[in-house]
Amino acid sequence: MNRAASLLAAAAAAGLAHAQAVTYQVDPTHTFVTFEVRHADTSTLRGRFDRKEGSVVIDRQARSGTADIEIDVASVSTGVAVLDDKLQGKDFFNAAERPKALFAGDRFSFEGDKVTAVAGTLTLLGRSLPVTLKATHFNCYTNPLLKREVCGGDFEATILRSQWGMAYGVEQGLPDRIRLLIQIEAIRQ
């Protein structure tokens, strides 16, 4: 190997040695966890969770990452108080006994430097099952107000609620398929 090639290899190795994972704190004011389900096969019922928190770690060089997101299921909001009460009850989220839903992502997929999917485990009602959130958009930028990098995007998955033991009404025709939509922004720490 000639001297120039040796220097390039050493510089590349040094760059890899300095690559590191970066931690981002979820910005709850720019993060929304929502769901959609068919209502009596007519329209789409939408709801959201108003309280959520967590962190994301991304190592672009290693093309890896982790995500830990906690959702307060008692903060479910559909805009219809009686429905919110029903969703918080034992037939659905059972918020009194199981107040949190957790997503722990441990397998990030990338296209270039963009995250395209996060695979992990969704824990709901005490059951943990695999879920992959696919990115429909992802970007990082320097926030002019914060003067820090912010990364985020739109992610989605479709789940069967009955897999987590939330089977109320499925036999009577209430939909089992739930579309999860997660709009997230997180601030570099």
Protein backbone atom coordinates (compact mmCIF):
# COMPACT_ATOMS: atom_id res chain seq x y z
CA MET A 1 0.00 0.00 0.00
CA ASN A 2 1.46 3.39 -0.94
CA ARG A 3 1.81 6.23 1.56
CA ALA A 4 -1.26 8.17 0.28
CA ALA A 5 -3.49 5.09 0.51
CA SER A 6 -2.17 4.38 4.01
CA LEU A 7 -2.98 7.94 5.11
CA LEU A 8 -6.50 7.71 3.63
CA ALA A 9 -7.12 4.38 5.39
CA ALA A 10 -5.87 5.80 8.70
CA ALA A 11 -8.07 8.90 8.30
CA ALA A 12 -11.10 6.74 7.50
CA ALA A 13 -10.44 4.52 10.52
CA ALA A 14 -10.06 7.60 12.73
CA GLY A 15 -13.36 8.96 11.41
CA LEU A 16 -15.11 5.70 12.22
CA ALA A 17 -13.58 5.69 15.68
CA HIS A 18 -15.05 9.16 16.30
CA ALA A 19 -18.49 8.28 14.96
CA GLN A 20 -20.89 7.96 17.81
CA ALA A 21 -24.47 7.57 18.73
CA VAL A 22 -26.39 10.80 19.31
CA THR A 23 -29.25 11.06 21.80
CA TYR A 24 -32.40 13.03 20.99
CA GLN A 25 -35.13 13.90 23.50
CA VAL A 26 -38.69 13.64 22.21
CA ASP A 27 -40.30 17.06 21.88
CA PRO A 28 -43.87 16.51 23.16
CA THR A 29 -45.10 19.72 21.50
CA HIS A 30 -44.08 18.41 18.06
CA THR A 31 -44.87 14.72 18.63
CA PHE A 32 -48.30 13.24 18.09
CA VAL A 33 -49.38 9.63 18.54
CA THR A 34 -52.70 9.07 16.81
CA PHE A 35 -54.80 6.14 15.68
CA GLU A 36 -57.46 5.52 13.08
CA VAL A 37 -60.18 2.88 12.95
CA ARG A 38 -63.27 2.44 10.77
CA HIS A 39 -66.46 3.52 12.50
CA ALA A 40 -69.43 1.30 11.63
CA ASP A 41 -67.83 0.86 8.20
CA THR A 42 -68.81 4.44 7.35
CA SER A 43 -66.15 6.96 8.35
CA THR A 44 -62.80 6.93 10.10
CA LEU A 45 -62.67 7.47 13.84
CA ARG A 46 -59.50 9.23 14.92
CA GLY A 47 -57.99 9.59 18.36
CA ARG A 48 -54.76 10.71 19.93
CA PHE A 49 -52.72 10.40 23.09
CA ASP A 50 -51.95 13.79 24.60
CA ARG A 51 -49.10 12.73 26.93
CA LYS A 52 -45.98 11.00 25.63
CA GLU A 53 -42.25 11.16 26.29
CA GLY A 54 -39.09 9.37 25.37
CA SER A 55 -35.74 9.41 23.68
CA VAL A 56 -34.18 8.26 20.45
CA VAL A 57 -30.54 7.35 19.86
CA ILE A 58 -29.22 7.35 16.30
CA ASP A 59 -25.78 6.28 15.09
CA ARG A 60 -25.76 7.19 11.40
CA GLN A 61 -22.28 5.78 10.83
CA ALA A 62 -23.21 2.38 12.28
CA ARG A 63 -26.69 2.65 10.74
CA SER A 64 -28.30 1.73 14.03
CA GLY A 65 -30.43 3.22 16.76
CA THR A 66 -32.85 2.77 19.60
CA ALA A 67 -36.14 4.41 20.48
CA ASP A 68 -37.91 4.35 23.83
CA ILE A 69 -41.32 5.99 23.76
CA GLU A 70 -43.79 5.96 26.66
CA ILE A 71 -47.46 6.80 26.08
CA ASP A 72 -49.91 7.65 28.86
CA VAL A 73 -53.01 5.74 27.71
CA ALA A 74 -55.25 7.70 30.11
CA SER A 75 -54.56 10.72 27.90
CA VAL A 76 -56.54 9.21 25.01
CA SER A 77 -58.69 11.81 23.31
CA THR A 78 -61.22 11.33 20.51
CA GLY A 79 -63.16 14.54 21.08
CA VAL A 80 -66.07 12.52 22.48
CA ALA A 81 -65.90 12.33 26.29
CA VAL A 82 -68.09 9.23 26.66
CA LEU A 83 -65.93 7.37 24.11
CA ASP A 84 -62.74 8.48 25.85
CA ASP A 85 -64.10 7.06 29.12
CA LYS A 86 -64.91 3.76 27.39
CA LEU A 87 -61.43 3.57 25.82
CA GLN A 88 -59.77 4.22 29.19
CA GLY A 89 -61.83 1.40 30.79
CA LYS A 90 -61.20 -2.31 31.18
CA ASP A 91 -62.63 -3.24 27.76
CA PHE A 92 -59.90 -1.31 25.96
CA PHE A 93 -56.79 0.35 27.45
CA ASN A 94 -57.53 -0.45 31.12
CA ALA A 95 -55.71 2.76 32.07
CA ALA A 96 -56.28 2.31 35.82
CA GLU A 97 -54.29 -0.95 35.90
CA ARG A 98 -52.04 -0.53 32.83
CA PRO A 99 -51.41 3.23 32.55
CA LYS A 100 -48.57 3.11 30.04
CA ALA A 101 -47.96 1.77 26.55
CA LEU A 102 -44.30 1.43 25.58
CA PHE A 103 -42.57 1.21 22.23
CA ALA A 104 -38.96 0.03 22.36
CA GLY A 105 -37.36 0.19 18.93
CA ASP A 106 -34.03 -1.56 18.49
CA ARG A 107 -33.66 -2.15 14.75
CA PHE A 108 -33.41 0.93 12.53
CA SER A 109 -33.41 0.70 8.74
CA PHE A 110 -31.77 3.41 6.65
CA GLU A 111 -31.67 4.61 3.08
CA GLY A 112 -28.60 6.82 2.93
CA ASP A 113 -28.74 8.86 6.13
CA LYS A 114 -32.55 8.76 6.33
CA VAL A 115 -34.36 6.41 8.72
CA THR A 116 -36.90 4.35 6.74
CA ALA A 117 -38.24 2.07 9.48
CA VAL A 118 -37.94 1.30 13.18
CA ALA A 119 -38.66 -2.25 14.31
CA GLY A 120 -39.18 -3.09 17.94
CA THR A 121 -41.67 -4.13 20.56
CA LEU A 122 -44.97 -2.53 21.51
CA THR A 123 -46.04 -3.30 25.08
CA LEU A 124 -49.71 -2.74 25.73
CA LEU A 125 -51.94 -4.28 28.41
CA GLY A 126 -48.93 -6.24 29.68
CA ARG A 127 -48.25 -7.94 26.33
CA SER A 128 -45.16 -7.25 24.24
CA LEU A 129 -45.31 -7.97 20.52
CA PRO A 130 -43.17 -6.96 17.53
CA VAL A 131 -44.18 -3.89 15.54
CA THR A 132 -42.40 -2.15 12.67
CA LEU A 133 -43.03 1.55 12.17
CA LYS A 134 -42.41 2.52 8.56
CA ALA A 135 -41.28 6.06 7.82
CA THR A 136 -43.22 7.95 5.21
CA HIS A 137 -40.92 10.93 5.78
CA PHE A 138 -37.74 11.60 7.80
CA ASN A 139 -35.36 14.56 8.06
CA CYS A 140 -32.90 16.29 10.37
CA TYR A 141 -32.27 20.04 10.45
CA THR A 142 -30.80 22.75 12.65
CA ASN A 143 -33.66 24.44 14.48
CA PRO A 144 -33.09 28.22 14.22
CA LEU A 145 -34.72 28.93 17.61
CA LEU A 146 -33.06 26.15 19.59
CA LYS A 147 -29.75 26.30 17.67
CA ARG A 148 -29.67 22.50 17.89
CA GLU A 149 -30.28 19.64 15.54
CA VAL A 150 -33.82 18.27 15.43
CA CYS A 151 -34.68 14.97 13.73
CA GLY A 152 -38.11 13.64 13.04
CA GLY A 153 -40.61 12.22 10.67
CA ASP A 154 -43.89 10.51 10.08
CA PHE A 155 -44.14 6.80 10.92
CA GLU A 156 -47.00 4.33 10.68
CA ALA A 157 -48.02 0.73 11.26
CA THR A 158 -51.24 -1.27 11.24
CA ILE A 159 -51.86 -3.60 14.17
CA LEU A 160 -54.58 -5.98 15.30
CA ARG A 161 -55.72 -4.80 18.74
CA SER A 162 -56.89 -8.28 19.66
CA GLN A 163 -53.27 -9.49 19.66
CA TRP A 164 -52.77 -7.40 22.80
CA GLY A 165 -55.95 -8.75 24.40
CA MET A 166 -58.12 -5.79 23.39
CA ALA A 167 -60.80 -7.90 21.73
CA TYR A 168 -63.92 -6.10 22.97
CA GLY A 169 -66.57 -6.10 20.22
CA VAL A 170 -64.45 -7.83 17.57
CA GLU A 171 -66.88 -10.79 17.38
CA GLN A 172 -69.76 -8.33 16.98
CA GLY A 173 -68.03 -6.59 14.06
CA LEU A 174 -66.07 -3.77 15.69
CA PRO A 175 -62.84 -3.39 13.71
CA ASP A 176 -59.71 -5.16 14.90
CA ARG A 177 -57.32 -3.34 12.56
CA ILE A 178 -55.92 -0.12 13.97
CA ARG A 179 -53.71 2.24 12.01
CA LEU A 180 -51.07 3.91 14.20
CA LEU A 181 -49.64 7.22 13.02
CA ILE A 182 -46.69 8.75 14.81
CA GLN A 183 -45.42 12.20 13.98
CA ILE A 184 -42.25 12.71 15.97
CA GLU A 185 -39.61 15.36 16.44
CA ALA A 186 -36.72 14.97 18.84
CA ILE A 187 -34.05 17.44 19.94
CA ARG A 188 -30.36 16.59 20.03
CA GLN A 189 -29.02 16.55 23.60
